[in-house]
Amino acid sequence: HFPLIPRLIRGVVEHPKLKKYDLTSLTTCSSGGAHIPVPLMMAFEKISGARMYQGYGLTEAGPIIAATPVEGDPVYESTGLPYPDTVIKIMDLQLGEIEQPRGKEGEIIIKGPQLMKGYLDDSEATAAVLKDGWLYTGDIGRFDEKGYLYIVGRKNDRIVAAGHTVWPTLVEDVLMSHPDVVQAVAFGVPDPLRCSTDIRAIVVPRIGAEASPELERKLLELCNEKLEEYEVPTKIMFRDHLPMTLLGKVDRKKIIEEIDAMINKLMQGGEVPEEYR
């Protein structure tokens, strides 16, 4: 068994000397710590022959609360079924008081023996997430009819565009399904002239792929094919790399802070790169 985070899985799949190594001794590989695109899971299965599955958890809960069963047909998009003695509910996003039916999105709350007692010396932060024995995770998800859990995104990452909720991970998954894309991050940019929010994205092309207007056109065509009109980015920018956290996740907060700084500079009449206009 090989437990990994998505960043390391991608590193294995794209390693230039991969063909020199025999990975057939692997039987299973679990991914956790961050969202993993389905094409990346399938690529790892292809090169190793190992069965890929996901788990879901957080530091405040032991740290795992759900996982995909090893037996049975793979459900790549799902983070699996609740662990034994763990109860998971999906609550409404407005007040967090109404449990949602299967198929409907909401905030994930959990109860089980693996929950923390609280944050050290921070009763205010503890009270914000622990309520009547339930941990309010801040993650958005849904259950399917078979009871499998799907993670949609973080509550704080939600973008409201044209009156609709847009989850960045959905846009990012579509962009990363293109063979020339290694990483992608989507975010909202306020448009004061139209009193609305534009969806934009930053993409890291794979080695050997050219960051060009032609690639942007192909990616926008893919988004128009797979996404709703209000979810499609108005602009796609290219980078050699994206900032990462210590846990191997894309540092969305740092990227948004950088974009906000550029927008403020632009609104004040300052000079900014063309891609931010």
C-alpha atoms as a PDB file:
ATOM      1  CA  HIS A   1       0.000   0.000   0.000  1.00  0.00           C
ATOM      2  CA  PHE A   2       1.215   3.484  -0.921  1.00  0.00           C
ATOM      3  CA  PRO A   3      -0.376   6.500   0.884  1.00  0.00           C
ATOM      4  CA  LEU A   4       0.285   9.753  -0.967  1.00  0.00           C
ATOM      5  CA  ILE A   5      -0.892  13.308  -1.492  1.00  0.00           C
ATOM      6  CA  PRO A   6      -1.916  14.449  -5.013  1.00  0.00           C
ATOM      7  CA  ARG A   7       1.244  16.485  -5.510  1.00  0.00           C
ATOM      8  CA  LEU A   8       3.421  13.402  -5.008  1.00  0.00           C
ATOM      9  CA  ILE A   9       1.150  11.242  -7.157  1.00  0.00           C
ATOM     10  CA  ARG A  10       1.578  13.721  -9.993  1.00  0.00           C
ATOM     11  CA  GLY A  11       5.326  13.703  -9.370  1.00  0.00           C
ATOM     12  CA  VAL A  12       5.407   9.931  -9.841  1.00  0.00           C
ATOM     13  CA  VAL A  13       3.204   9.965 -12.949  1.00  0.00           C
ATOM     14  CA  GLU A  14       5.271  12.683 -14.642  1.00  0.00           C
ATOM     15  CA  HIS A  15       8.720  11.562 -13.473  1.00  0.00           C
ATOM     16  CA  PRO A  16      11.115  11.582 -16.458  1.00  0.00           C
ATOM     17  CA  LYS A  17      12.735   8.285 -15.360  1.00  0.00           C
ATOM     18  CA  LEU A  18       9.484   6.506 -14.549  1.00  0.00           C
ATOM     19  CA  LYS A  19      10.015   3.760 -17.151  1.00  0.00           C
ATOM     20  CA  LYS A  20      13.165   2.632 -15.346  1.00  0.00           C
ATOM     21  CA  TYR A  21      11.166   1.548 -12.295  1.00  0.00           C
ATOM     22  CA  ASP A  22       8.824  -1.364 -11.674  1.00  0.00           C
ATOM     23  CA  LEU A  23       5.752  -0.347  -9.656  1.00  0.00           C
ATOM     24  CA  THR A  24       3.848  -3.605 -10.018  1.00  0.00           C
ATOM     25  CA  SER A  25       4.476  -4.555  -6.374  1.00  0.00           C
ATOM     26  CA  LEU A  26       1.924  -1.899  -5.400  1.00  0.00           C
ATOM     27  CA  THR A  27      -1.597  -3.183  -4.844  1.00  0.00           C
ATOM     28  CA  THR A  28      -3.364  -0.068  -3.510  1.00  0.00           C
ATOM     29  CA  CYS A  29      -2.680   3.653  -3.269  1.00  0.00           C
ATOM     30  CA  SER A  30      -4.670   6.117  -1.190  1.00  0.00           C
ATOM     31  CA  SER A  31      -4.844   9.844  -1.812  1.00  0.00           C
ATOM     32  CA  GLY A  32      -5.629  12.451   0.808  1.00  0.00           C
ATOM     33  CA  GLY A  33      -4.761  15.923   2.012  1.00  0.00           C
ATOM     34  CA  ALA A  34      -6.141  17.714  -1.036  1.00  0.00           C
ATOM     35  CA  HIS A  35      -8.507  17.320  -3.947  1.00  0.00           C
ATOM     36  CA  ILE A  36      -7.214  14.973  -6.674  1.00  0.00           C
ATOM     37  CA  PRO A  37      -8.446  15.104 -10.292  1.00  0.00           C
ATOM     38  CA  VAL A  38      -9.892  11.847 -11.604  1.00  0.00           C
ATOM     39  CA  PRO A  39      -7.571  11.753 -14.675  1.00  0.00           C
ATOM     40  CA  LEU A  40      -4.574  11.798 -12.328  1.00  0.00           C
ATOM     41  CA  MET A  41      -5.955   8.861 -10.329  1.00  0.00           C
ATOM     42  CA  MET A  42      -6.522   6.866 -13.510  1.00  0.00           C
ATOM     43  CA  ALA A  43      -3.050   7.735 -14.820  1.00  0.00           C
ATOM     44  CA  PHE A  44      -1.457   6.372 -11.646  1.00  0.00           C
ATOM     45  CA  GLU A  45      -3.495   3.177 -11.887  1.00  0.00           C
ATOM     46  CA  LYS A  46      -2.344   2.746 -15.479  1.00  0.00           C
ATOM     47  CA  ILE A  47       1.372   3.022 -14.724  1.00  0.00           C
ATOM     48  CA  SER A  48       1.323   0.995 -11.509  1.00  0.00           C
ATOM     49  CA  GLY A  49      -1.574  -1.439 -11.745  1.00  0.00           C
ATOM     50  CA  ALA A  50      -2.500  -0.397  -8.187  1.00  0.00           C
ATOM     51  CA  ARG A  51      -6.054   0.385  -7.134  1.00  0.00           C
ATOM     52  CA  MET A  52      -6.508   4.092  -6.348  1.00  0.00           C
ATOM     53  CA  TYR A  53      -8.907   5.316  -3.712  1.00  0.00           C
ATOM     54  CA  GLN A  54      -9.565   8.520  -1.805  1.00  0.00           C
ATOM     55  CA  GLY A  55     -10.091   9.408   1.810  1.00  0.00           C
ATOM     56  CA  TYR A  56     -11.533  12.470   3.497  1.00  0.00           C
ATOM     57  CA  GLY A  57     -10.599  13.908   6.840  1.00  0.00           C
ATOM     58  CA  LEU A  58      -9.265  16.871   8.715  1.00  0.00           C
ATOM     59  CA  THR A  59      -6.949  17.619  11.611  1.00  0.00           C
ATOM     60  CA  GLU A  60      -9.878  18.233  13.933  1.00  0.00           C
ATOM     61  CA  ALA A  61     -11.235  14.726  13.332  1.00  0.00           C
ATOM     62  CA  GLY A  62      -8.633  12.147  13.950  1.00  0.00           C
ATOM     63  CA  PRO A  63      -7.772  12.797  10.984  1.00  0.00           C
ATOM     64  CA  ILE A  64     -10.020  10.591   8.786  1.00  0.00           C
ATOM     65  CA  ILE A  65     -13.797  10.289   8.610  1.00  0.00           C
ATOM     66  CA  ALA A  66     -14.503   8.654   5.234  1.00  0.00           C
ATOM     67  CA  ALA A  67     -12.748   6.487   2.647  1.00  0.00           C
ATOM     68  CA  THR A  68     -13.481   4.637  -0.567  1.00  0.00           C
ATOM     69  CA  PRO A  69     -13.849   0.854  -0.082  1.00  0.00           C
ATOM     70  CA  VAL A  70     -10.999  -1.133  -1.609  1.00  0.00           C
ATOM     71  CA  GLU A  71     -13.352  -3.846  -2.887  1.00  0.00           C
ATOM     72  CA  GLY A  72     -16.064  -3.289  -5.471  1.00  0.00           C
ATOM     73  CA  ASP A  73     -16.267  -1.032  -8.487  1.00  0.00           C
ATOM     74  CA  PRO A  74     -14.193   2.158  -8.201  1.00  0.00           C
ATOM     75  CA  VAL A  75     -16.012   5.422  -7.531  1.00  0.00           C
ATOM     76  CA  TYR A  76     -13.233   7.820  -8.479  1.00  0.00           C
ATOM     77  CA  GLU A  77     -15.058  11.094  -7.879  1.00  0.00           C
ATOM     78  CA  SER A  78     -16.129  10.164  -4.341  1.00  0.00           C
ATOM     79  CA  THR A  79     -14.206  10.321  -1.080  1.00  0.00           C
ATOM     80  CA  GLY A  80     -16.053   7.211   0.031  1.00  0.00           C
ATOM     81  CA  LEU A  81     -18.268   6.040   2.868  1.00  0.00           C
ATOM     82  CA  PRO A  82     -18.247   7.229   6.501  1.00  0.00           C
ATOM     83  CA  TYR A  83     -15.907   5.374   8.852  1.00  0.00           C
ATOM     84  CA  PRO A  84     -17.471   3.091  11.488  1.00  0.00           C
ATOM     85  CA  ASP A  85     -19.058   5.001  14.401  1.00  0.00           C
ATOM     86  CA  THR A  86     -18.827   8.207  12.372  1.00  0.00           C
ATOM     87  CA  VAL A  87     -21.985  10.145  11.488  1.00  0.00           C
ATOM     88  CA  ILE A  88     -21.906  12.648   8.626  1.00  0.00           C
ATOM     89  CA  LYS A  89     -24.687  15.077   7.776  1.00  0.00           C
ATOM     90  CA  ILE A  90     -25.096  17.643   5.015  1.00  0.00           C
ATOM     91  CA  MET A  91     -26.622  20.880   6.322  1.00  0.00           C
ATOM     92  CA  ASP A  92     -28.088  23.917   4.570  1.00  0.00           C
ATOM     93  CA  LEU A  93     -25.645  26.715   3.748  1.00  0.00           C
ATOM     94  CA  GLN A  94     -27.754  29.530   5.139  1.00  0.00           C
ATOM     95  CA  LEU A  95     -28.183  28.672   8.835  1.00  0.00           C
ATOM     96  CA  GLY A  96     -26.653  25.207   9.061  1.00  0.00           C
ATOM     97  CA  GLU A  97     -29.742  23.883  10.803  1.00  0.00           C
ATOM     98  CA  ILE A  98     -31.606  21.887   8.136  1.00  0.00           C
ATOM     99  CA  GLU A  99     -30.288  18.493   7.029  1.00  0.00           C
ATOM    100  CA  GLN A 100     -30.214  18.199   3.251  1.00  0.00           C
ATOM    101  CA  PRO A 101     -31.507  15.193   1.277  1.00  0.00           C
ATOM    102  CA  ARG A 102     -29.170  13.000  -0.728  1.00  0.00           C
ATOM    103  CA  GLY A 103     -28.020  14.685  -3.901  1.00  0.00           C
ATOM    104  CA  LYS A 104     -28.214  18.215  -2.488  1.00  0.00           C
ATOM    105  CA  GLU A 105     -25.114  20.186  -1.532  1.00  0.00           C
ATOM    106  CA  GLY A 106     -24.468  21.694   1.864  1.00  0.00           C
ATOM    107  CA  GLU A 107     -21.938  22.005   4.674  1.00  0.00           C
ATOM    108  CA  ILE A 108     -20.491  18.760   5.987  1.00  0.00           C
ATOM    109  CA  ILE A 109     -20.840  18.266   9.734  1.00  0.00           C
ATOM    110  CA  ILE A 110     -19.582  15.217  11.582  1.00  0.00           C
ATOM    111  CA  LYS A 111     -19.910  13.452  14.919  1.00  0.00           C
ATOM    112  CA  GLY A 112     -17.744  10.587  16.157  1.00  0.00           C
ATOM    113  CA  PRO A 113     -15.171   9.410  18.690  1.00  0.00           C
ATOM    114  CA  GLN A 114     -12.297  10.899  16.649  1.00  0.00           C
ATOM    115  CA  LEU A 115     -13.393  14.539  17.077  1.00  0.00           C
ATOM    116  CA  MET A 116     -11.115  16.959  18.854  1.00  0.00           C
ATOM    117  CA  LYS A 117     -12.061  18.397  22.233  1.00  0.00           C
ATOM    118  CA  GLY A 118     -11.215  21.870  21.016  1.00  0.00           C
ATOM    119  CA  TYR A 119      -8.462  24.231  19.908  1.00  0.00           C
ATOM    120  CA  LEU A 120      -5.792  24.794  22.555  1.00  0.00           C
ATOM    121  CA  ASP A 121      -6.382  28.042  24.462  1.00  0.00           C
ATOM    122  CA  ASP A 122      -8.912  29.283  21.882  1.00  0.00           C
ATOM    123  CA  SER A 123     -12.441  28.859  23.170  1.00  0.00           C
ATOM    124  CA  GLU A 124     -13.859  31.310  20.622  1.00  0.00           C
ATOM    125  CA  ALA A 125     -12.539  29.345  17.633  1.00  0.00           C
ATOM    126  CA  THR A 126     -13.710  26.104  19.246  1.00  0.00           C
ATOM    127  CA  ALA A 127     -17.249  27.424  19.754  1.00  0.00           C
ATOM    128  CA  ALA A 128     -17.395  28.470  16.099  1.00  0.00           C
ATOM    129  CA  VAL A 129     -16.938  24.902  14.825  1.00  0.00           C
ATOM    130  CA  LEU A 130     -18.101  22.608  17.664  1.00  0.00           C
ATOM    131  CA  LYS A 131     -21.834  22.845  18.261  1.00  0.00           C
ATOM    132  CA  ASP A 132     -23.807  20.338  20.332  1.00  0.00           C
ATOM    133  CA  GLY A 133     -21.195  17.656  19.704  1.00  0.00           C
ATOM    134  CA  TRP A 134     -21.060  18.255  15.937  1.00  0.00           C
ATOM    135  CA  LEU A 135     -18.014  19.520  14.069  1.00  0.00           C
ATOM    136  CA  TYR A 136     -18.874  22.042  11.347  1.00  0.00           C
ATOM    137  CA  THR A 137     -16.099  21.440   8.828  1.00  0.00           C
ATOM    138  CA  GLY A 138     -16.513  24.362   6.433  1.00  0.00           C
ATOM    139  CA  ASP A 139     -16.352  21.825   3.595  1.00  0.00           C
ATOM    140  CA  ILE A 140     -19.189  21.583   1.093  1.00  0.00           C
ATOM    141  CA  GLY A 141     -20.349  18.202  -0.108  1.00  0.00           C
ATOM    142  CA  ARG A 142     -23.219  15.906  -0.948  1.00  0.00           C
ATOM    143  CA  PHE A 143     -24.223  12.243  -0.674  1.00  0.00           C
ATOM    144  CA  ASP A 144     -25.314  10.141  -3.627  1.00  0.00           C
ATOM    145  CA  GLU A 145     -28.116   7.580  -3.449  1.00  0.00           C
ATOM    146  CA  LYS A 146     -25.681   4.854  -2.331  1.00  0.00           C
ATOM    147  CA  GLY A 147     -24.373   6.935   0.556  1.00  0.00           C
ATOM    148  CA  TYR A 148     -21.045   7.896  -1.035  1.00  0.00           C
ATOM    149  CA  LEU A 149     -19.692  11.308  -0.045  1.00  0.00           C
ATOM    150  CA  TYR A 150     -18.552  13.868  -2.632  1.00  0.00           C
ATOM    151  CA  ILE A 151     -16.565  16.986  -1.748  1.00  0.00           C
ATOM    152  CA  VAL A 152     -17.470  20.092  -3.743  1.00  0.00           C
ATOM    153  CA  GLY A 153     -15.194  22.693  -2.156  1.00  0.00           C
ATOM    154  CA  ARG A 154     -14.610  24.936   0.817  1.00  0.00           C
ATOM    155  CA  LYS A 155     -17.402  27.187   2.037  1.00  0.00           C
ATOM    156  CA  ASN A 156     -15.049  30.195   1.971  1.00  0.00           C
ATOM    157  CA  ASP A 157     -13.981  29.454  -1.630  1.00  0.00           C
ATOM    158  CA  ARG A 158     -17.471  29.826  -3.041  1.00  0.00           C
ATOM    159  CA  ILE A 159     -17.772  32.316  -5.906  1.00  0.00           C
ATOM    160  CA  VAL A 160     -21.049  34.050  -6.719  1.00  0.00           C
ATOM    161  CA  ALA A 161     -21.156  34.887 -10.429  1.00  0.00           C
ATOM    162  CA  ALA A 162     -24.234  36.141 -12.286  1.00  0.00           C
ATOM    163  CA  GLY A 163     -26.308  35.236  -9.238  1.00  0.00           C
ATOM    164  CA  HIS A 164     -25.100  31.607  -9.296  1.00  0.00           C
ATOM    165  CA  THR A 165     -22.791  29.703  -6.969  1.00  0.00           C
ATOM    166  CA  VAL A 166     -19.606  28.511  -8.644  1.00  0.00           C
ATOM    167  CA  TRP A 167     -17.238  26.059  -6.960  1.00  0.00           C
ATOM    168  CA  PRO A 168     -13.605  26.561  -8.097  1.00  0.00           C
ATOM    169  CA  THR A 169     -12.764  22.845  -7.936  1.00  0.00           C
ATOM    170  CA  LEU A 170     -15.351  22.100 -10.611  1.00  0.00           C
ATOM    171  CA  VAL A 171     -13.729  24.567 -13.019  1.00  0.00           C
ATOM    172  CA  GLU A 172     -10.251  23.356 -12.089  1.00  0.00           C
ATOM    173  CA  ASP A 173     -11.139  19.710 -12.716  1.00  0.00           C
ATOM    174  CA  VAL A 174     -12.323  20.533 -16.227  1.00  0.00           C
ATOM    175  CA  LEU A 175      -9.151  22.503 -16.993  1.00  0.00           C
ATOM    176  CA  MET A 176      -6.925  19.730 -15.625  1.00  0.00           C
ATOM    177  CA  SER A 177      -8.716  17.134 -17.724  1.00  0.00           C
ATOM    178  CA  HIS A 178      -6.883  18.620 -20.727  1.00  0.00           C
ATOM    179  CA  PRO A 179      -3.666  16.656 -21.436  1.00  0.00           C
ATOM    180  CA  ASP A 180      -1.573  19.833 -21.694  1.00  0.00           C
ATOM    181  CA  VAL A 181      -2.486  21.094 -18.203  1.00  0.00           C
ATOM    182  CA  VAL A 182      -0.629  20.105 -15.028  1.00  0.00           C
ATOM    183  CA  GLN A 183      -2.270  22.434 -12.489  1.00  0.00           C
ATOM    184  CA  ALA A 184      -5.103  24.945 -12.444  1.00  0.00           C
ATOM    185  CA  VAL A 185      -6.680  27.326  -9.981  1.00  0.00           C
ATOM    186  CA  ALA A 186      -9.935  29.248 -10.490  1.00  0.00           C
ATOM    187  CA  PHE A 187     -11.095  32.345  -8.623  1.00  0.00           C
ATOM    188  CA  GLY A 188     -13.498  35.256  -8.793  1.00  0.00           C
ATOM    189  CA  VAL A 189     -12.518  38.764  -9.863  1.00  0.00           C
ATOM    190  CA  PRO A 190     -14.943  41.633  -9.143  1.00  0.00           C
ATOM    191  CA  ASP A 191     -15.985  43.704 -12.145  1.00  0.00           C
ATOM    192  CA  PRO A 192     -17.117  47.081 -10.712  1.00  0.00           C
ATOM    193  CA  LEU A 193     -18.313  48.367 -14.092  1.00  0.00           C
ATOM    194  CA  ARG A 194     -20.850  45.537 -14.441  1.00  0.00           C
ATOM    195  CA  CYS A 195     -21.390  45.101 -10.694  1.00  0.00           C
ATOM    196  CA  SER A 196     -20.627  41.412 -11.085  1.00  0.00           C
ATOM    197  CA  THR A 197     -17.871  38.825 -10.638  1.00  0.00           C
ATOM    198  CA  ASP A 198     -15.837  37.268 -13.437  1.00  0.00           C
ATOM    199  CA  ILE A 199     -14.424  33.756 -13.238  1.00  0.00           C
ATOM    200  CA  ARG A 200     -10.750  33.622 -14.093  1.00  0.00           C
ATOM    201  CA  ALA A 201      -8.175  30.850 -13.971  1.00  0.00           C
ATOM    202  CA  ILE A 202      -4.432  30.347 -13.851  1.00  0.00           C
ATOM    203  CA  VAL A 203      -3.043  27.261 -15.565  1.00  0.00           C
ATOM    204  CA  VAL A 204       0.357  25.559 -15.447  1.00  0.00           C
ATOM    205  CA  PRO A 205       1.022  23.813 -18.789  1.00  0.00           C
ATOM    206  CA  ARG A 206       2.824  20.476 -18.838  1.00  0.00           C
ATOM    207  CA  ILE A 207       6.481  20.435 -19.822  1.00  0.00           C
ATOM    208  CA  GLY A 208       6.670  20.717 -23.598  1.00  0.00           C
ATOM    209  CA  ALA A 209       3.268  22.403 -23.990  1.00  0.00           C
ATOM    210  CA  GLU A 210       3.300  26.014 -25.107  1.00  0.00           C
ATOM    211  CA  ALA A 211       1.416  28.642 -23.097  1.00  0.00           C
ATOM    212  CA  SER A 212      -0.236  30.262 -26.079  1.00  0.00           C
ATOM    213  CA  PRO A 213      -3.484  31.920 -27.207  1.00  0.00           C
ATOM    214  CA  GLU A 214      -4.213  28.674 -29.038  1.00  0.00           C
ATOM    215  CA  LEU A 215      -4.041  26.664 -25.791  1.00  0.00           C
ATOM    216  CA  GLU A 216      -6.256  29.223 -24.059  1.00  0.00           C
ATOM    217  CA  ARG A 217      -8.780  28.893 -26.888  1.00  0.00           C
ATOM    218  CA  LYS A 218      -8.825  25.107 -26.563  1.00  0.00           C
ATOM    219  CA  LEU A 219      -9.265  25.303 -22.805  1.00  0.00           C
ATOM    220  CA  LEU A 220     -12.142  27.761 -23.120  1.00  0.00           C
ATOM    221  CA  GLU A 221     -13.781  25.476 -25.680  1.00  0.00           C
ATOM    222  CA  LEU A 222     -13.451  22.595 -23.232  1.00  0.00           C
ATOM    223  CA  CYS A 223     -14.982  24.684 -20.452  1.00  0.00           C
ATOM    224  CA  ASN A 224     -17.888  25.741 -22.666  1.00  0.00           C
ATOM    225  CA  GLU A 225     -18.497  22.079 -23.453  1.00  0.00           C
ATOM    226  CA  LYS A 226     -18.349  20.824 -19.847  1.00  0.00           C
ATOM    227  CA  LEU A 227     -19.544  23.741 -17.717  1.00  0.00           C
ATOM    228  CA  GLU A 228     -22.534  26.003 -17.362  1.00  0.00           C
ATOM    229  CA  GLU A 229     -22.178  29.386 -19.060  1.00  0.00           C
ATOM    230  CA  TYR A 230     -21.741  31.234 -15.745  1.00  0.00           C
ATOM    231  CA  GLU A 231     -18.956  28.809 -14.698  1.00  0.00           C
ATOM    232  CA  VAL A 232     -16.763  29.377 -17.754  1.00  0.00           C
ATOM    233  CA  PRO A 233     -13.685  31.585 -17.118  1.00  0.00           C
ATOM    234  CA  THR A 234     -13.599  34.890 -18.937  1.00  0.00           C
ATOM    235  CA  LYS A 235      -9.819  34.725 -19.070  1.00  0.00           C
ATOM    236  CA  ILE A 236      -7.117  32.075 -18.571  1.00  0.00           C
ATOM    237  CA  MET A 237      -3.612  33.064 -17.525  1.00  0.00           C
ATOM    238  CA  PHE A 238      -0.493  30.889 -17.656  1.00  0.00           C
ATOM    239  CA  ARG A 239       2.254  30.360 -15.108  1.00  0.00           C
ATOM    240  CA  ASP A 240       5.308  28.117 -14.826  1.00  0.00           C
ATOM    241  CA  HIS A 241       4.220  27.100 -11.314  1.00  0.00           C
ATOM    242  CA  LEU A 242       1.710  27.886  -8.586  1.00  0.00           C
ATOM    243  CA  PRO A 243       2.505  28.667  -4.944  1.00  0.00           C
ATOM    244  CA  MET A 244       1.977  25.626  -2.719  1.00  0.00           C
ATOM    245  CA  THR A 245       1.324  25.143   0.989  1.00  0.00           C
ATOM    246  CA  LEU A 246       3.439  22.863   3.170  1.00  0.00           C
ATOM    247  CA  LEU A 247       0.731  20.194   2.766  1.00  0.00           C
ATOM    248  CA  GLY A 248       1.155  20.181  -1.001  1.00  0.00           C
ATOM    249  CA  LYS A 249      -2.031  22.117  -1.746  1.00  0.00           C
ATOM    250  CA  VAL A 250      -2.251  25.049  -4.131  1.00  0.00           C
ATOM    251  CA  ASP A 251      -2.022  28.177  -1.977  1.00  0.00           C
ATOM    252  CA  ARG A 252      -5.305  29.703  -3.106  1.00  0.00           C
ATOM    253  CA  LYS A 253      -5.156  32.436  -0.468  1.00  0.00           C
ATOM    254  CA  LYS A 254      -1.767  33.686  -1.663  1.00  0.00           C
ATOM    255  CA  ILE A 255      -2.915  33.710  -5.282  1.00  0.00           C
ATOM    256  CA  ILE A 256      -6.069  35.671  -4.478  1.00  0.00           C
ATOM    257  CA  GLU A 257      -4.079  38.183  -2.410  1.00  0.00           C
ATOM    258  CA  GLU A 258      -1.768  38.714  -5.389  1.00  0.00           C
ATOM    259  CA  ILE A 259      -4.698  39.145  -7.793  1.00  0.00           C
ATOM    260  CA  ASP A 260      -6.445  41.569  -5.422  1.00  0.00           C
ATOM    261  CA  ALA A 261      -3.263  43.654  -5.157  1.00  0.00           C
ATOM    262  CA  MET A 262      -2.988  43.863  -8.934  1.00  0.00           C
ATOM    263  CA  ILE A 263      -6.650  44.828  -9.323  1.00  0.00           C
ATOM    264  CA  ASN A 264      -6.329  47.577  -6.697  1.00  0.00           C
ATOM    265  CA  LYS A 265      -3.238  48.887  -8.446  1.00  0.00           C
ATOM    266  CA  LEU A 266      -5.060  48.868 -11.781  1.00  0.00           C
ATOM    267  CA  MET A 267      -8.055  50.746 -10.345  1.00  0.00           C
ATOM    268  CA  GLN A 268      -5.688  53.394  -8.983  1.00  0.00           C
ATOM    269  CA  GLY A 269      -4.203  53.936 -12.415  1.00  0.00           C
ATOM    270  CA  GLY A 270      -1.035  51.942 -11.874  1.00  0.00           C
ATOM    271  CA  GLU A 271       0.746  49.792 -14.446  1.00  0.00           C
ATOM    272  CA  VAL A 272       0.056  46.071 -14.283  1.00  0.00           C
ATOM    273  CA  PRO A 273       0.803  43.162 -16.669  1.00  0.00           C
ATOM    274  CA  GLU A 274      -1.670  42.827 -19.536  1.00  0.00           C
ATOM    275  CA  GLU A 275      -2.939  39.476 -18.232  1.00  0.00           C
ATOM    276  CA  TYR A 276      -4.535  41.194 -15.227  1.00  0.00           C
ATOM    277  CA  ARG A 277      -6.562  43.628 -17.296  1.00  0.00           C
END
